[in-house]
């Protein structure tokens, strides 16, 4: 009978720990990285300066 009571108490404590570890405050949930930011990947067109005109 004592073993059943001890096992039941241990199971209750483990379930309680899992429940409390799963609960987070709203502040910690909102501190995540903002994944909605848009990165500007447009590039300005610059003139090609690698071409040297050939003399005629």
PDB file of N, CA and C in Angstrom:
ATOM      1  N   UNK A   1       0.834  -1.200   0.000  1.00  0.00           N
ATOM      2  CA  UNK A   1       0.000   0.000   0.000  1.00  0.00           C
ATOM      3  C   UNK A   1       0.870   1.252   0.000  1.00  0.00           C
ATOM      4  N   UNK A   2       1.991   1.221   0.743  1.00  0.00           N
ATOM      5  CA  UNK A   2       2.865   2.395   0.806  1.00  0.00           C
ATOM      6  C   UNK A   2       3.504   2.661  -0.552  1.00  0.00           C
ATOM      7  N   UNK A   3       3.837   1.593  -1.286  1.00  0.00           N
ATOM      8  CA  UNK A   3       4.460   1.785  -2.591  1.00  0.00           C
ATOM      9  C   UNK A   3       3.501   2.477  -3.554  1.00  0.00           C
ATOM     10  N   UNK A   4       2.244   2.111  -3.498  1.00  0.00           N
ATOM     11  CA  UNK A   4       1.252   2.735  -4.380  1.00  0.00           C
ATOM     12  C   UNK A   4       1.114   4.221  -4.068  1.00  0.00           C
ATOM     13  N   UNK A   5       1.120   4.566  -2.780  1.00  0.00           N
ATOM     14  CA  UNK A   5       1.010   5.969  -2.374  1.00  0.00           C
ATOM     15  C   UNK A   5       2.241   6.738  -2.828  1.00  0.00           C
ATOM     16  N   UNK A   6       3.423   6.155  -2.661  1.00  0.00           N
ATOM     17  CA  UNK A   6       4.662   6.831  -3.069  1.00  0.00           C
ATOM     18  C   UNK A   6       4.689   7.019  -4.575  1.00  0.00           C
ATOM     19  N   UNK A   7       4.305   6.008  -5.334  1.00  0.00           N
ATOM     20  CA  UNK A   7       4.283   6.121  -6.793  1.00  0.00           C
ATOM     21  C   UNK A   7       3.270   7.180  -7.231  1.00  0.00           C
ATOM     22  N   UNK A   8       2.121   7.226  -6.586  1.00  0.00           N
ATOM     23  CA  UNK A   8       1.107   8.227  -6.920  1.00  0.00           C
ATOM     24  C   UNK A   8       1.612   9.639  -6.618  1.00  0.00           C
ATOM     25  N   UNK A   9       2.304   9.828  -5.510  1.00  0.00           N
ATOM     26  CA  UNK A   9       2.850  11.144  -5.170  1.00  0.00           C
ATOM     27  C   UNK A   9       3.932  11.567  -6.164  1.00  0.00           C
ATOM     28  N   UNK A  10       4.793  10.633  -6.531  1.00  0.00           N
ATOM     29  CA  UNK A  10       5.857  10.950  -7.497  1.00  0.00           C
ATOM     30  C   UNK A  10       5.243  11.320  -8.846  1.00  0.00           C
ATOM     31  N   UNK A  11       4.240  10.560  -9.279  1.00  0.00           N
ATOM     32  CA  UNK A  11       3.577  10.862 -10.545  1.00  0.00           C
ATOM     33  C   UNK A  11       2.904  12.233 -10.503  1.00  0.00           C
ATOM     34  N   UNK A  12       2.281  12.547  -9.385  1.00  0.00           N
ATOM     35  CA  UNK A  12       1.630  13.853  -9.237  1.00  0.00           C
ATOM     36  C   UNK A  12       2.658  14.982  -9.280  1.00  0.00           C
ATOM     37  N   UNK A  13       3.788  14.788  -8.638  1.00  0.00           N
ATOM     38  CA  UNK A  13       4.834  15.818  -8.649  1.00  0.00           C
ATOM     39  C   UNK A  13       5.405  15.998 -10.055  1.00  0.00           C
ATOM     40  N   UNK A  14       5.617  14.905 -10.776  1.00  0.00           N
ATOM     41  CA  UNK A  14       6.146  15.021 -12.134  1.00  0.00           C
ATOM     42  C   UNK A  14       5.174  15.738 -13.055  1.00  0.00           C
ATOM     43  N   UNK A  15       3.901  15.404 -12.957  1.00  0.00           N
ATOM     44  CA  UNK A  15       2.892  16.080 -13.787  1.00  0.00           C
ATOM     45  C   UNK A  15       2.822  17.559 -13.428  1.00  0.00           C
ATOM     46  N   UNK A  16       2.908  17.865 -12.147  1.00  0.00           N
ATOM     47  CA  UNK A  16       2.893  19.268 -11.723  1.00  0.00           C
ATOM     48  C   UNK A  16       4.084  20.031 -12.258  1.00  0.00           C
ATOM     49  N   UNK A  17       5.266  19.420 -12.241  1.00  0.00           N
ATOM     50  CA  UNK A  17       6.462  20.086 -12.782  1.00  0.00           C
ATOM     51  C   UNK A  17       6.314  20.341 -14.276  1.00  0.00           C
ATOM     52  N   UNK A  18       5.773  19.367 -14.996  1.00  0.00           N
ATOM     53  CA  UNK A  18       5.589  19.558 -16.432  1.00  0.00           C
ATOM     54  C   UNK A  18       4.608  20.684 -16.725  1.00  0.00           C
ATOM     55  N   UNK A  19       3.544  20.764 -15.943  1.00  0.00           N
ATOM     56  CA  UNK A  19       2.552  21.812 -16.156  1.00  0.00           C
ATOM     57  C   UNK A  19       3.157  23.186 -15.880  1.00  0.00           C
ATOM     58  N   UNK A  20       3.889  23.315 -14.783  1.00  0.00           N
ATOM     59  CA  UNK A  20       4.463  24.617 -14.450  1.00  0.00           C
ATOM     60  C   UNK A  20       5.602  25.000 -15.385  1.00  0.00           C
ATOM     61  N   UNK A  21       6.336  24.034 -15.897  1.00  0.00           N
ATOM     62  CA  UNK A  21       7.413  24.376 -16.828  1.00  0.00           C
ATOM     63  C   UNK A  21       6.848  24.765 -18.188  1.00  0.00           C
ATOM     64  N   UNK A  22       5.660  24.302 -18.530  1.00  0.00           N
ATOM     65  CA  UNK A  22       5.044  24.665 -19.805  1.00  0.00           C
ATOM     66  C   UNK A  22       4.430  26.055 -19.759  1.00  0.00           C
ATOM     67  N   UNK A  23       4.117  26.551 -18.577  1.00  0.00           N
ATOM     68  CA  UNK A  23       3.511  27.874 -18.448  1.00  0.00           C
ATOM     69  C   UNK A  23       4.593  28.938 -18.507  1.00  0.00           C
ATOM     70  N   UNK A  24       4.429  29.898 -19.418  1.00  0.00           N
ATOM     71  CA  UNK A  24       5.366  31.014 -19.518  1.00  0.00           C
ATOM     72  C   UNK A  24       4.566  32.294 -19.385  1.00  0.00           C
ATOM     73  N   UNK A  25       5.232  33.316 -18.895  1.00  0.00           N
ATOM     74  CA  UNK A  25       4.551  34.596 -18.812  1.00  0.00           C
ATOM     75  C   UNK A  25       4.452  35.196 -20.211  1.00  0.00           C
ATOM     76  N   UNK A  26       3.531  36.112 -20.415  1.00  0.00           N
ATOM     77  CA  UNK A  26       3.342  36.701 -21.727  1.00  0.00           C
ATOM     78  C   UNK A  26       4.546  37.530 -22.141  1.00  0.00           C
ATOM     79  N   UNK A  27       5.277  38.082 -21.189  1.00  0.00           N
ATOM     80  CA  UNK A  27       6.447  38.886 -21.517  1.00  0.00           C
ATOM     81  C   UNK A  27       7.513  38.035 -22.181  1.00  0.00           C
ATOM     82  N   UNK A  28       7.762  36.834 -21.675  1.00  0.00           N
ATOM     83  CA  UNK A  28       8.797  35.998 -22.274  1.00  0.00           C
ATOM     84  C   UNK A  28       8.360  35.459 -23.624  1.00  0.00           C
ATOM     85  N   UNK A  29       7.075  35.301 -23.848  1.00  0.00           N
ATOM     86  CA  UNK A  29       6.608  34.832 -25.137  1.00  0.00           C
ATOM     87  C   UNK A  29       6.715  35.924 -26.191  1.00  0.00           C
ATOM     88  N   UNK A  30       6.566  37.179 -25.804  1.00  0.00           N
ATOM     89  CA  UNK A  30       6.592  38.279 -26.754  1.00  0.00           C
ATOM     90  C   UNK A  30       7.999  38.781 -27.041  1.00  0.00           C
ATOM     91  N   UNK A  31       9.003  38.288 -26.357  1.00  0.00           N
ATOM     92  CA  UNK A  31      10.356  38.779 -26.551  1.00  0.00           C
ATOM     93  C   UNK A  31      11.080  38.088 -27.697  1.00  0.00           C
ATOM     94  N   UNK A  32      10.393  37.272 -28.459  1.00  0.00           N
ATOM     95  CA  UNK A  32      11.013  36.556 -29.569  1.00  0.00           C
ATOM     96  C   UNK A  32      11.460  37.513 -30.658  1.00  0.00           C
ATOM     97  N   UNK A  33      12.232  36.998 -31.592  1.00  0.00           N
ATOM     98  CA  UNK A  33      12.744  37.793 -32.697  1.00  0.00           C
ATOM     99  C   UNK A  33      11.596  38.128 -33.637  1.00  0.00           C
ATOM    100  N   UNK A  34      11.574  39.370 -34.083  1.00  0.00           N
ATOM    101  CA  UNK A  34      10.529  39.817 -35.003  1.00  0.00           C
ATOM    102  C   UNK A  34      10.844  39.279 -36.389  1.00  0.00           C
ATOM    103  N   UNK A  35      10.041  38.346 -36.849  1.00  0.00           N
ATOM    104  CA  UNK A  35      10.287  37.734 -38.159  1.00  0.00           C
ATOM    105  C   UNK A  35       9.495  38.409 -39.257  1.00  0.00           C
ATOM    106  N   UNK A  36       8.797  39.492 -38.953  1.00  0.00           N
ATOM    107  CA  UNK A  36       7.992  40.169 -39.962  1.00  0.00           C
ATOM    108  C   UNK A  36       8.750  41.312 -40.630  1.00  0.00           C
ATOM    109  N   UNK A  37       9.984  41.559 -40.236  1.00  0.00           N
ATOM    110  CA  UNK A  37      10.758  42.650 -40.823  1.00  0.00           C
ATOM    111  C   UNK A  37      11.099  42.314 -42.274  1.00  0.00           C
ATOM    112  N   UNK A  38      11.032  43.326 -43.138  1.00  0.00           N
ATOM    113  CA  UNK A  38      11.339  43.142 -44.552  1.00  0.00           C
ATOM    114  C   UNK A  38      12.705  43.755 -44.814  1.00  0.00           C
ATOM    115  N   UNK A  39      13.576  42.981 -45.426  1.00  0.00           N
ATOM    116  CA  UNK A  39      14.922  43.460 -45.743  1.00  0.00           C
ATOM    117  C   UNK A  39      14.917  43.963 -47.183  1.00  0.00           C
ATOM    118  N   UNK A  40      15.412  45.190 -47.368  1.00  0.00           N
ATOM    119  CA  UNK A  40      15.455  45.786 -48.697  1.00  0.00           C
ATOM    120  C   UNK A  40      16.660  45.227 -49.447  1.00  0.00           C
ATOM    121  N   UNK A  41      16.403  44.460 -50.494  1.00  0.00           N
ATOM    122  CA  UNK A  41      17.489  43.826 -51.249  1.00  0.00           C
ATOM    123  C   UNK A  41      17.682  44.468 -52.614  1.00  0.00           C
ATOM    124  N   UNK A  42      17.039  45.618 -52.849  1.00  0.00           N
ATOM    125  CA  UNK A  42      17.207  46.272 -54.147  1.00  0.00           C
ATOM    126  C   UNK A  42      18.576  46.926 -54.208  1.00  0.00           C
ATOM    127  N   UNK A  43      19.149  46.935 -55.411  1.00  0.00           N
ATOM    128  CA  UNK A  43      20.462  47.538 -55.615  1.00  0.00           C
ATOM    129  C   UNK A  43      20.342  48.646 -56.658  1.00  0.00           C
ATOM    130  N   UNK A  44      21.123  49.690 -56.449  1.00  0.00           N
ATOM    131  CA  UNK A  44      21.125  50.775 -57.424  1.00  0.00           C
ATOM    132  C   UNK A  44      21.983  50.373 -58.616  1.00  0.00           C
ATOM    133  N   UNK A  45      21.536  50.788 -59.798  1.00  0.00           N
ATOM    134  CA  UNK A  45      22.293  50.477 -61.004  1.00  0.00           C
ATOM    135  C   UNK A  45      23.377  51.522 -61.156  1.00  0.00           C
ATOM    136  N   UNK A  46      24.623  51.061 -61.214  1.00  0.00           N
ATOM    137  CA  UNK A  46      25.744  51.984 -61.394  1.00  0.00           C
ATOM    138  C   UNK A  46      26.334  51.763 -62.781  1.00  0.00           C
ATOM    139  N   UNK A  47      26.921  52.795 -63.345  1.00  0.00           N
ATOM    140  CA  UNK A  47      27.500  52.638 -64.679  1.00  0.00           C
ATOM    141  C   UNK A  47      28.680  51.670 -64.653  1.00  0.00           C
ATOM    142  N   UNK A  48      28.862  50.957 -65.752  1.00  0.00           N
ATOM    143  CA  UNK A  48      29.942  49.992 -65.863  1.00  0.00           C
ATOM    144  C   UNK A  48      31.241  50.737 -66.144  1.00  0.00           C
ATOM    145  N   UNK A  49      32.160  50.698 -65.209  1.00  0.00           N
ATOM    146  CA  UNK A  49      33.431  51.411 -65.360  1.00  0.00           C
ATOM    147  C   UNK A  49      34.560  50.480 -65.725  1.00  0.00           C
ATOM    148  N   UNK A  50      34.275  49.244 -66.035  1.00  0.00           N
ATOM    149  CA  UNK A  50      35.350  48.298 -66.367  1.00  0.00           C
ATOM    150  C   UNK A  50      35.684  48.282 -67.842  1.00  0.00           C
ATOM    151  N   UNK A  51      34.858  48.917 -68.670  1.00  0.00           N
ATOM    152  CA  UNK A  51      35.092  48.925 -70.117  1.00  0.00           C
ATOM    153  C   UNK A  51      35.912  50.169 -70.475  1.00  0.00           C
ATOM    154  N   UNK A  52      37.034  49.964 -71.142  1.00  0.00           N
ATOM    155  CA  UNK A  52      37.886  51.072 -71.583  1.00  0.00           C
ATOM    156  C   UNK A  52      37.651  51.270 -73.079  1.00  0.00           C
ATOM    157  N   UNK A  53      37.326  52.496 -73.494  1.00  0.00           N
ATOM    158  CA  UNK A  53      37.115  52.710 -74.934  1.00  0.00           C
ATOM    159  C   UNK A  53      38.417  52.526 -75.725  1.00  0.00           C
ATOM    160  N   UNK A  54      38.307  51.862 -76.860  1.00  0.00           N
ATOM    161  CA  UNK A  54      39.470  51.613 -77.713  1.00  0.00           C
ATOM    162  C   UNK A  54      39.727  52.823 -78.616  1.00  0.00           C
ATOM    163  N   UNK A  55      40.974  53.253 -78.715  1.00  0.00           N
ATOM    164  CA  UNK A  55      41.264  54.386 -79.638  1.00  0.00           C
ATOM    165  C   UNK A  55      41.154  53.922 -81.101  1.00  0.00           C
ATOM    166  N   UNK A  56      40.708  54.827 -81.964  1.00  0.00           N
ATOM    167  CA  UNK A  56      40.551  54.450 -83.382  1.00  0.00           C
ATOM    168  C   UNK A  56      41.626  54.983 -84.229  1.00  0.00           C
TER     169      UNK A  56
END
